[in-house]
Amino acid sequence: MRGYSMRDLADILGEPHSLVQKTENLERRLDIYEYVQYCKALGIDPKQGLAILESKDNP
């Protein structure tokens, strides 16, 4: 959303690059706390993010 690289996002989150990479490659899912932190780092309202995910699941 903000044009961050995976390494940039990992630095912002204070997490290893591998966590972001596995999340982006759908090898790992986020728990709710991590999801909220991810949204904050990307400048996304978590509620809007959930609405987007829900709309993708229900065409």
N, C-alpha and C. Protein backbone atom coordinates (compact mmCIF):
# COMPACT_ATOMS: atom_id res chain seq x y z
N MET A 1 0.81 -1.20 0.00
CA MET A 1 0.00 0.00 0.00
C MET A 1 0.86 1.27 0.00
N ARG A 2 1.96 1.21 0.69
CA ARG A 2 2.82 2.39 0.80
C ARG A 2 4.07 2.28 -0.05
N GLY A 3 4.22 1.20 -0.76
CA GLY A 3 5.40 1.04 -1.58
C GLY A 3 6.62 0.55 -0.82
N TYR A 4 6.40 -0.01 0.36
CA TYR A 4 7.51 -0.54 1.15
C TYR A 4 7.99 -1.86 0.57
N SER A 5 9.28 -2.09 0.68
CA SER A 5 9.79 -3.43 0.39
C SER A 5 9.49 -4.31 1.60
N MET A 6 9.66 -5.61 1.43
CA MET A 6 9.45 -6.51 2.56
C MET A 6 10.44 -6.20 3.68
N ARG A 7 11.65 -5.84 3.31
CA ARG A 7 12.66 -5.49 4.33
C ARG A 7 12.26 -4.22 5.08
N ASP A 8 11.74 -3.22 4.34
CA ASP A 8 11.28 -1.99 4.98
C ASP A 8 10.17 -2.29 5.99
N LEU A 9 9.20 -3.09 5.55
CA LEU A 9 8.08 -3.43 6.42
C LEU A 9 8.57 -4.21 7.64
N ALA A 10 9.48 -5.14 7.44
CA ALA A 10 10.04 -5.91 8.56
C ALA A 10 10.71 -4.97 9.57
N ASP A 11 11.46 -3.99 9.07
CA ASP A 11 12.11 -3.02 9.96
C ASP A 11 11.08 -2.22 10.75
N ILE A 12 10.02 -1.77 10.07
CA ILE A 12 8.97 -1.00 10.74
C ILE A 12 8.29 -1.83 11.83
N LEU A 13 8.05 -3.09 11.51
CA LEU A 13 7.38 -3.99 12.47
C LEU A 13 8.31 -4.49 13.56
N GLY A 14 9.63 -4.34 13.33
CA GLY A 14 10.58 -4.88 14.30
C GLY A 14 10.61 -6.40 14.28
N GLU A 15 10.38 -6.96 13.10
CA GLU A 15 10.34 -8.41 12.93
C GLU A 15 11.38 -8.81 11.89
N PRO A 16 11.72 -10.09 11.86
CA PRO A 16 12.66 -10.54 10.83
C PRO A 16 12.02 -10.48 9.44
N HIS A 17 12.87 -10.28 8.45
CA HIS A 17 12.41 -10.24 7.06
C HIS A 17 11.66 -11.52 6.70
N SER A 18 12.10 -12.65 7.25
CA SER A 18 11.49 -13.94 6.92
C SER A 18 10.02 -13.99 7.33
N LEU A 19 9.65 -13.33 8.43
CA LEU A 19 8.25 -13.31 8.85
C LEU A 19 7.39 -12.62 7.80
N VAL A 20 7.83 -11.47 7.32
CA VAL A 20 7.09 -10.73 6.31
C VAL A 20 7.05 -11.53 5.01
N GLN A 21 8.16 -12.11 4.64
CA GLN A 21 8.22 -12.89 3.40
C GLN A 21 7.25 -14.07 3.45
N LYS A 22 7.24 -14.81 4.55
CA LYS A 22 6.34 -15.95 4.67
C LYS A 22 4.87 -15.51 4.70
N THR A 23 4.61 -14.36 5.31
CA THR A 23 3.25 -13.83 5.33
C THR A 23 2.82 -13.44 3.93
N GLU A 24 3.67 -12.74 3.22
CA GLU A 24 3.35 -12.30 1.86
C GLU A 24 3.19 -13.48 0.90
N ASN A 25 3.93 -14.55 1.13
CA ASN A 25 3.84 -15.73 0.28
C ASN A 25 2.76 -16.71 0.74
N LEU A 26 1.96 -16.30 1.72
CA LEU A 26 0.87 -17.11 2.28
C LEU A 26 1.34 -18.42 2.88
N GLU A 27 2.59 -18.44 3.37
CA GLU A 27 3.13 -19.60 4.06
C GLU A 27 2.85 -19.50 5.56
N ARG A 28 2.42 -18.34 5.99
CA ARG A 28 2.19 -18.06 7.41
C ARG A 28 1.01 -17.11 7.53
N ARG A 29 0.20 -17.30 8.56
CA ARG A 29 -0.92 -16.39 8.82
C ARG A 29 -0.60 -15.53 10.03
N LEU A 30 -1.20 -14.36 10.04
CA LEU A 30 -1.00 -13.44 11.15
C LEU A 30 -2.03 -13.69 12.24
N ASP A 31 -1.62 -13.56 13.50
CA ASP A 31 -2.63 -13.55 14.56
C ASP A 31 -3.22 -12.14 14.59
N ILE A 32 -4.23 -11.91 15.38
CA ILE A 32 -4.95 -10.63 15.35
C ILE A 32 -4.06 -9.46 15.74
N TYR A 33 -3.20 -9.65 16.72
CA TYR A 33 -2.28 -8.58 17.12
C TYR A 33 -1.35 -8.22 15.97
N GLU A 34 -0.77 -9.25 15.33
CA GLU A 34 0.14 -9.01 14.21
C GLU A 34 -0.59 -8.33 13.06
N TYR A 35 -1.84 -8.75 12.82
CA TYR A 35 -2.64 -8.14 11.75
C TYR A 35 -2.81 -6.64 11.99
N VAL A 36 -3.15 -6.27 13.20
CA VAL A 36 -3.35 -4.85 13.53
C VAL A 36 -2.03 -4.09 13.36
N GLN A 37 -0.92 -4.66 13.79
CA GLN A 37 0.38 -4.02 13.63
C GLN A 37 0.74 -3.86 12.15
N TYR A 38 0.47 -4.88 11.37
CA TYR A 38 0.70 -4.84 9.93
C TYR A 38 -0.10 -3.70 9.30
N CYS A 39 -1.38 -3.62 9.66
CA CYS A 39 -2.24 -2.55 9.12
C CYS A 39 -1.71 -1.17 9.50
N LYS A 40 -1.34 -1.00 10.75
CA LYS A 40 -0.81 0.29 11.18
C LYS A 40 0.44 0.66 10.38
N ALA A 41 1.32 -0.32 10.18
CA ALA A 41 2.56 -0.06 9.44
C ALA A 41 2.27 0.35 8.00
N LEU A 42 1.18 -0.18 7.44
CA LEU A 42 0.83 0.12 6.05
C LEU A 42 -0.14 1.29 5.92
N GLY A 43 -0.57 1.85 7.06
CA GLY A 43 -1.49 2.97 7.02
C GLY A 43 -2.90 2.57 6.62
N ILE A 44 -3.30 1.35 7.01
CA ILE A 44 -4.62 0.83 6.69
C ILE A 44 -5.42 0.69 7.98
N ASP A 45 -6.68 1.11 7.96
CA ASP A 45 -7.56 0.88 9.10
C ASP A 45 -7.86 -0.62 9.15
N PRO A 46 -7.60 -1.30 10.27
CA PRO A 46 -7.84 -2.74 10.34
C PRO A 46 -9.27 -3.14 9.95
N LYS A 47 -10.25 -2.33 10.29
CA LYS A 47 -11.64 -2.64 9.93
C LYS A 47 -11.81 -2.62 8.41
N GLN A 48 -11.20 -1.66 7.76
CA GLN A 48 -11.29 -1.59 6.29
C GLN A 48 -10.56 -2.79 5.67
N GLY A 49 -9.44 -3.16 6.25
CA GLY A 49 -8.71 -4.32 5.76
C GLY A 49 -9.55 -5.58 5.83
N LEU A 50 -10.27 -5.76 6.93
CA LEU A 50 -11.15 -6.92 7.08
C LEU A 50 -12.29 -6.87 6.07
N ALA A 51 -12.84 -5.68 5.84
CA ALA A 51 -13.91 -5.54 4.85
C ALA A 51 -13.43 -5.93 3.47
N ILE A 52 -12.20 -5.55 3.13
CA ILE A 52 -11.61 -5.92 1.83
C ILE A 52 -11.47 -7.44 1.74
N LEU A 53 -10.95 -8.04 2.80
CA LEU A 53 -10.79 -9.50 2.80
C LEU A 53 -12.14 -10.19 2.68
N GLU A 54 -13.13 -9.70 3.39
CA GLU A 54 -14.45 -10.30 3.34
C GLU A 54 -15.06 -10.19 1.95
N SER A 55 -14.89 -9.05 1.30
CA SER A 55 -15.45 -8.87 -0.03
C SER A 55 -14.77 -9.79 -1.05
N LYS A 56 -13.50 -10.11 -0.84
CA LYS A 56 -12.79 -11.04 -1.74
C LYS A 56 -13.28 -12.46 -1.56
N ASP A 57 -13.72 -12.80 -0.34
CA ASP A 57 -14.23 -14.13 -0.07
C ASP A 57 -15.67 -14.31 -0.54
N ASN A 58 -16.40 -13.21 -0.69
CA ASN A 58 -17.81 -13.24 -1.07
C ASN A 58 -18.07 -12.38 -2.30
N PRO A 59 -17.78 -12.93 -3.47
CA PRO A 59 -17.95 -12.10 -4.69
C PRO A 59 -19.38 -11.72 -4.96
